[in-house]
PDB file of N, CA and C in Angstrom:
ATOM      1  N   MET A   1       4.489  17.787   5.138  1.00  0.00           N
ATOM      2  CA  MET A   1       5.845  17.321   5.065  1.00  0.00           C
ATOM      3  C   MET A   1       5.885  15.881   5.538  1.00  0.00           C
ATOM      4  N   ILE A   2       6.604  15.079   4.803  1.00  0.00           N
ATOM      5  CA  ILE A   2       6.736  13.669   5.149  1.00  0.00           C
ATOM      6  C   ILE A   2       7.854  13.538   6.179  1.00  0.00           C
ATOM      7  N   ILE A   3       7.498  13.001   7.337  1.00  0.00           N
ATOM      8  CA  ILE A   3       8.492  12.794   8.382  1.00  0.00           C
ATOM      9  C   ILE A   3       8.440  11.334   8.803  1.00  0.00           C
ATOM     10  N   GLY A   4       9.485  10.888   9.419  1.00  0.00           N
ATOM     11  CA  GLY A   4       9.505   9.526   9.927  1.00  0.00           C
ATOM     12  C   GLY A   4      10.535   8.674   9.210  1.00  0.00           C
ATOM     13  N   LYS A   5      10.368   7.376   9.402  1.00  0.00           N
ATOM     14  CA  LYS A   5      11.309   6.413   8.848  1.00  0.00           C
ATOM     15  C   LYS A   5      11.197   6.388   7.327  1.00  0.00           C
ATOM     16  N   HIS A   6      12.323   6.435   6.664  1.00  0.00           N
ATOM     17  CA  HIS A   6      12.432   6.384   5.209  1.00  0.00           C
ATOM     18  C   HIS A   6      11.696   7.531   4.522  1.00  0.00           C
ATOM     19  N   SER A   7      11.656   8.696   5.142  1.00  0.00           N
ATOM     20  CA  SER A   7      10.929   9.832   4.561  1.00  0.00           C
ATOM     21  C   SER A   7      11.585  10.338   3.277  1.00  0.00           C
ATOM     22  N   ALA A   8      12.900  10.288   3.203  1.00  0.00           N
ATOM     23  CA  ALA A   8      13.576  10.751   1.991  1.00  0.00           C
ATOM     24  C   ALA A   8      13.256   9.840   0.808  1.00  0.00           C
ATOM     25  N   ILE A   9      13.221   8.549   1.049  1.00  0.00           N
ATOM     26  CA  ILE A   9      12.905   7.598  -0.017  1.00  0.00           C
ATOM     27  C   ILE A   9      11.457   7.772  -0.466  1.00  0.00           C
ATOM     28  N   LYS A  10      10.545   7.976   0.474  1.00  0.00           N
ATOM     29  CA  LYS A  10       9.131   8.184   0.135  1.00  0.00           C
ATOM     30  C   LYS A  10       8.953   9.466  -0.675  1.00  0.00           C
ATOM     31  N   GLY A  11       9.606  10.535  -0.263  1.00  0.00           N
ATOM     32  CA  GLY A  11       9.522  11.800  -0.981  1.00  0.00           C
ATOM     33  C   GLY A  11      10.103  11.708  -2.378  1.00  0.00           C
ATOM     34  N   PHE A  12      11.249  11.057  -2.501  1.00  0.00           N
ATOM     35  CA  PHE A  12      11.849  10.897  -3.818  1.00  0.00           C
ATOM     36  C   PHE A  12      10.987  10.006  -4.696  1.00  0.00           C
ATOM     37  N   GLY A  13      10.377   8.989  -4.115  1.00  0.00           N
ATOM     38  CA  GLY A  13       9.486   8.117  -4.875  1.00  0.00           C
ATOM     39  C   GLY A  13       8.288   8.870  -5.424  1.00  0.00           C
ATOM     40  N   LEU A  14       7.684   9.727  -4.597  1.00  0.00           N
ATOM     41  CA  LEU A  14       6.558  10.535  -5.075  1.00  0.00           C
ATOM     42  C   LEU A  14       6.997  11.515  -6.161  1.00  0.00           C
ATOM     43  N   PHE A  15       8.176  12.105  -5.987  1.00  0.00           N
ATOM     44  CA  PHE A  15       8.705  13.025  -6.994  1.00  0.00           C
ATOM     45  C   PHE A  15       8.945  12.303  -8.320  1.00  0.00           C
ATOM     46  N   LEU A  16       9.551  11.130  -8.255  1.00  0.00           N
ATOM     47  CA  LEU A  16       9.811  10.350  -9.461  1.00  0.00           C
ATOM     48  C   LEU A  16       8.509   9.925 -10.127  1.00  0.00           C
ATOM     49  N   TYR A  17       7.523   9.532  -9.326  1.00  0.00           N
ATOM     50  CA  TYR A  17       6.210   9.141  -9.838  1.00  0.00           C
ATOM     51  C   TYR A  17       5.538  10.322 -10.551  1.00  0.00           C
ATOM     52  N   ALA A  18       5.677  11.528 -10.007  1.00  0.00           N
ATOM     53  CA  ALA A  18       5.101  12.719 -10.636  1.00  0.00           C
ATOM     54  C   ALA A  18       5.806  13.049 -11.945  1.00  0.00           C
ATOM     55  N   ILE A  19       7.121  12.924 -11.989  1.00  0.00           N
ATOM     56  CA  ILE A  19       7.874  13.197 -13.210  1.00  0.00           C
ATOM     57  C   ILE A  19       7.489  12.204 -14.309  1.00  0.00           C
ATOM     58  N   ILE A  20       7.372  10.930 -13.958  1.00  0.00           N
ATOM     59  CA  ILE A  20       6.986   9.917 -14.941  1.00  0.00           C
ATOM     60  C   ILE A  20       5.567  10.178 -15.443  1.00  0.00           C
ATOM     61  N   THR A  21       4.683  10.605 -14.557  1.00  0.00           N
ATOM     62  CA  THR A  21       3.314  10.934 -14.967  1.00  0.00           C
ATOM     63  C   THR A  21       3.301  12.057 -15.987  1.00  0.00           C
ATOM     64  N   VAL A  22       4.081  13.098 -15.757  1.00  0.00           N
ATOM     65  CA  VAL A  22       4.140  14.222 -16.691  1.00  0.00           C
ATOM     66  C   VAL A  22       4.718  13.778 -18.030  1.00  0.00           C
ATOM     67  N   LEU A  23       5.763  12.976 -18.008  1.00  0.00           N
ATOM     68  CA  LEU A  23       6.374  12.514 -19.258  1.00  0.00           C
ATOM     69  C   LEU A  23       5.417  11.632 -20.058  1.00  0.00           C
ATOM     70  N   VAL A  24       4.693  10.745 -19.379  1.00  0.00           N
ATOM     71  CA  VAL A  24       3.715   9.899 -20.063  1.00  0.00           C
ATOM     72  C   VAL A  24       2.588  10.746 -20.641  1.00  0.00           C
ATOM     73  N   LEU A  25       2.161  11.758 -19.903  1.00  0.00           N
ATOM     74  CA  LEU A  25       1.112  12.648 -20.404  1.00  0.00           C
ATOM     75  C   LEU A  25       1.564  13.370 -21.670  1.00  0.00           C
ATOM     76  N   ILE A  26       2.772  13.846 -21.692  1.00  0.00           N
ATOM     77  CA  ILE A  26       3.298  14.544 -22.873  1.00  0.00           C
ATOM     78  C   ILE A  26       3.386  13.586 -24.058  1.00  0.00           C
ATOM     79  N   CYS A  27       3.900  12.391 -23.815  1.00  0.00           N
ATOM     80  CA  CYS A  27       4.061  11.429 -24.910  1.00  0.00           C
ATOM     81  C   CYS A  27       2.723  10.962 -25.470  1.00  0.00           C
ATOM     82  N   THR A  28       1.746  10.715 -24.614  1.00  0.00           N
ATOM     83  CA  THR A  28       0.465  10.224 -25.106  1.00  0.00           C
ATOM     84  C   THR A  28      -0.337  11.321 -25.798  1.00  0.00           C
ATOM     85  N   CYS A  29      -0.185  12.553 -25.383  1.00  0.00           N
ATOM     86  CA  CYS A  29      -0.920  13.645 -26.049  1.00  0.00           C
ATOM     87  C   CYS A  29      -0.349  13.951 -27.428  1.00  0.00           C
ATOM     88  N   ASN A  30       0.907  13.602 -27.664  1.00  0.00           N
ATOM     89  CA  ASN A  30       1.512  13.842 -28.976  1.00  0.00           C
ATOM     90  C   ASN A  30       1.180  12.765 -29.990  1.00  0.00           C
ATOM     91  N   VAL A  31       0.651  11.609 -29.550  1.00  0.00           N
ATOM     92  CA  VAL A  31       0.410  10.483 -30.454  1.00  0.00           C
ATOM     93  C   VAL A  31      -0.901  10.651 -31.205  1.00  0.00           C
ATOM     94  N   GLY A  32      -1.968  10.970 -30.509  1.00  0.00           N
ATOM     95  CA  GLY A  32      -3.258  11.105 -31.169  1.00  0.00           C
ATOM     96  C   GLY A  32      -4.352  11.398 -30.173  1.00  0.00           C
ATOM     97  N   SER A  33      -5.559  11.545 -30.695  1.00  0.00           N
ATOM     98  CA  SER A  33      -6.661  11.954 -29.826  1.00  0.00           C
ATOM     99  C   SER A  33      -7.076  10.848 -28.859  1.00  0.00           C
ATOM    100  N   PHE A  34      -7.137   9.594 -29.321  1.00  0.00           N
ATOM    101  CA  PHE A  34      -7.526   8.498 -28.426  1.00  0.00           C
ATOM    102  C   PHE A  34      -6.515   8.331 -27.309  1.00  0.00           C
ATOM    103  N   TRP A  35      -5.230   8.270 -27.675  1.00  0.00           N
ATOM    104  CA  TRP A  35      -4.204   8.103 -26.646  1.00  0.00           C
ATOM    105  C   TRP A  35      -4.065   9.347 -25.786  1.00  0.00           C
ATOM    106  N   GLY A  36      -4.424  10.487 -26.328  1.00  0.00           N
ATOM    107  CA  GLY A  36      -4.423  11.712 -25.531  1.00  0.00           C
ATOM    108  C   GLY A  36      -5.441  11.655 -24.414  1.00  0.00           C
ATOM    109  N   VAL A  37      -6.632  11.127 -24.726  1.00  0.00           N
ATOM    110  CA  VAL A  37      -7.666  10.973 -23.698  1.00  0.00           C
ATOM    111  C   VAL A  37      -7.221   9.967 -22.646  1.00  0.00           C
ATOM    112  N   ILE A  38      -6.635   8.862 -23.092  1.00  0.00           N
ATOM    113  CA  ILE A  38      -6.130   7.855 -22.151  1.00  0.00           C
ATOM    114  C   ILE A  38      -5.028   8.457 -21.274  1.00  0.00           C
ATOM    115  N   GLY A  39      -4.156   9.258 -21.848  1.00  0.00           N
ATOM    116  CA  GLY A  39      -3.079   9.894 -21.095  1.00  0.00           C
ATOM    117  C   GLY A  39      -3.601  10.873 -20.054  1.00  0.00           C
ATOM    118  N   VAL A  40      -4.623  11.639 -20.402  1.00  0.00           N
ATOM    119  CA  VAL A  40      -5.204  12.589 -19.447  1.00  0.00           C
ATOM    120  C   VAL A  40      -5.881  11.844 -18.304  1.00  0.00           C
ATOM    121  N   LEU A  41      -6.627  10.782 -18.624  1.00  0.00           N
ATOM    122  CA  LEU A  41      -7.249   9.977 -17.557  1.00  0.00           C
ATOM    123  C   LEU A  41      -6.196   9.344 -16.655  1.00  0.00           C
ATOM    124  N   ASN A  42      -5.117   8.861 -17.244  1.00  0.00           N
ATOM    125  CA  ASN A  42      -4.021   8.286 -16.470  1.00  0.00           C
ATOM    126  C   ASN A  42      -3.399   9.340 -15.557  1.00  0.00           C
ATOM    127  N   ALA A  43      -3.209  10.548 -16.066  1.00  0.00           N
ATOM    128  CA  ALA A  43      -2.626  11.617 -15.257  1.00  0.00           C
ATOM    129  C   ALA A  43      -3.539  11.997 -14.096  1.00  0.00           C
ATOM    130  N   ILE A  44      -4.849  12.028 -14.337  1.00  0.00           N
ATOM    131  CA  ILE A  44      -5.797  12.355 -13.263  1.00  0.00           C
ATOM    132  C   ILE A  44      -5.736  11.313 -12.154  1.00  0.00           C
ATOM    133  N   VAL A  45      -5.717  10.039 -12.540  1.00  0.00           N
ATOM    134  CA  VAL A  45      -5.644   8.968 -11.541  1.00  0.00           C
ATOM    135  C   VAL A  45      -4.322   9.029 -10.787  1.00  0.00           C
ATOM    136  N   ASN A  46      -3.227   9.272 -11.499  1.00  0.00           N
ATOM    137  CA  ASN A  46      -1.921   9.326 -10.843  1.00  0.00           C
ATOM    138  C   ASN A  46      -1.814  10.508  -9.881  1.00  0.00           C
ATOM    139  N   VAL A  47      -2.383  11.651 -10.243  1.00  0.00           N
ATOM    140  CA  VAL A  47      -2.371  12.804  -9.327  1.00  0.00           C
ATOM    141  C   VAL A  47      -3.154  12.471  -8.075  1.00  0.00           C
ATOM    142  N   TRP A  48      -4.296  11.812  -8.225  1.00  0.00           N
ATOM    143  CA  TRP A  48      -5.087  11.408  -7.057  1.00  0.00           C
ATOM    144  C   TRP A  48      -4.285  10.453  -6.157  1.00  0.00           C
ATOM    145  N   VAL A  49      -3.577   9.499  -6.761  1.00  0.00           N
ATOM    146  CA  VAL A  49      -2.773   8.547  -5.983  1.00  0.00           C
ATOM    147  C   VAL A  49      -1.627   9.265  -5.282  1.00  0.00           C
ATOM    148  N   ILE A  50      -0.950  10.158  -5.973  1.00  0.00           N
ATOM    149  CA  ILE A  50       0.178  10.886  -5.386  1.00  0.00           C
ATOM    150  C   ILE A  50      -0.283  11.728  -4.204  1.00  0.00           C
ATOM    151  N   LEU A  51      -1.386  12.452  -4.371  1.00  0.00           N
ATOM    152  CA  LEU A  51      -1.882  13.280  -3.271  1.00  0.00           C
ATOM    153  C   LEU A  51      -2.369  12.437  -2.102  1.00  0.00           C
ATOM    154  N   SER A  52      -2.988  11.306  -2.382  1.00  0.00           N
ATOM    155  CA  SER A  52      -3.444  10.423  -1.310  1.00  0.00           C
ATOM    156  C   SER A  52      -2.273   9.862  -0.518  1.00  0.00           C
ATOM    157  N   LEU A  53      -1.243   9.427  -1.216  1.00  0.00           N
ATOM    158  CA  LEU A  53      -0.057   8.912  -0.527  1.00  0.00           C
ATOM    159  C   LEU A  53       0.634   9.998   0.285  1.00  0.00           C
ATOM    160  N   PHE A  54       0.720  11.200  -0.275  1.00  0.00           N
ATOM    161  CA  PHE A  54       1.355  12.295   0.451  1.00  0.00           C
ATOM    162  C   PHE A  54       0.589  12.619   1.733  1.00  0.00           C
ATOM    163  N   LYS A  55      -0.733  12.686   1.638  1.00  0.00           N
ATOM    164  CA  LYS A  55      -1.542  12.956   2.831  1.00  0.00           C
ATOM    165  C   LYS A  55      -1.400  11.842   3.856  1.00  0.00           C
ATOM    166  N   TYR A  56      -1.390  10.595   3.405  1.00  0.00           N
ATOM    167  CA  TYR A  56      -1.263   9.465   4.324  1.00  0.00           C
ATOM    168  C   TYR A  56       0.084   9.473   5.028  1.00  0.00           C
ATOM    169  N   TRP A  57       1.152   9.672   4.256  1.00  0.00           N
ATOM    170  CA  TRP A  57       2.479   9.669   4.848  1.00  0.00           C
ATOM    171  C   TRP A  57       2.740  10.902   5.700  1.00  0.00           C
ATOM    172  N   SER A  58       2.082  12.015   5.410  1.00  0.00           N
ATOM    173  CA  SER A  58       2.270  13.227   6.214  1.00  0.00           C
ATOM    174  C   SER A  58       1.572  13.114   7.569  1.00  0.00           C
ATOM    175  N   ASN A  59       0.485  12.358   7.629  1.00  0.00           N
ATOM    176  CA  ASN A  59      -0.257  12.240   8.881  1.00  0.00           C
ATOM    177  C   ASN A  59       0.300  11.188   9.820  1.00  0.00           C
ATOM    178  N   ASN A  60       1.152  10.303   9.317  1.00  0.00           N
ATOM    179  CA  ASN A  60       1.730   9.258  10.196  1.00  0.00           C
ATOM    180  C   ASN A  60       2.793   9.820  11.106  1.00  0.00           C
TER     181      ASN A  60
END
């Protein structure tokens, strides 16, 4: 759980970032195989960033 100063803004930011990641993944997978691969790689990197930020902000 994210606690501390501006925790609501940080949580909403991570939520918004996750929603945008899912929408981009859906859009890129519908375009074609090349963009589908790029979309999946982008989603993997974004999930790693989201989890890293969540862990960092939860430990502070």
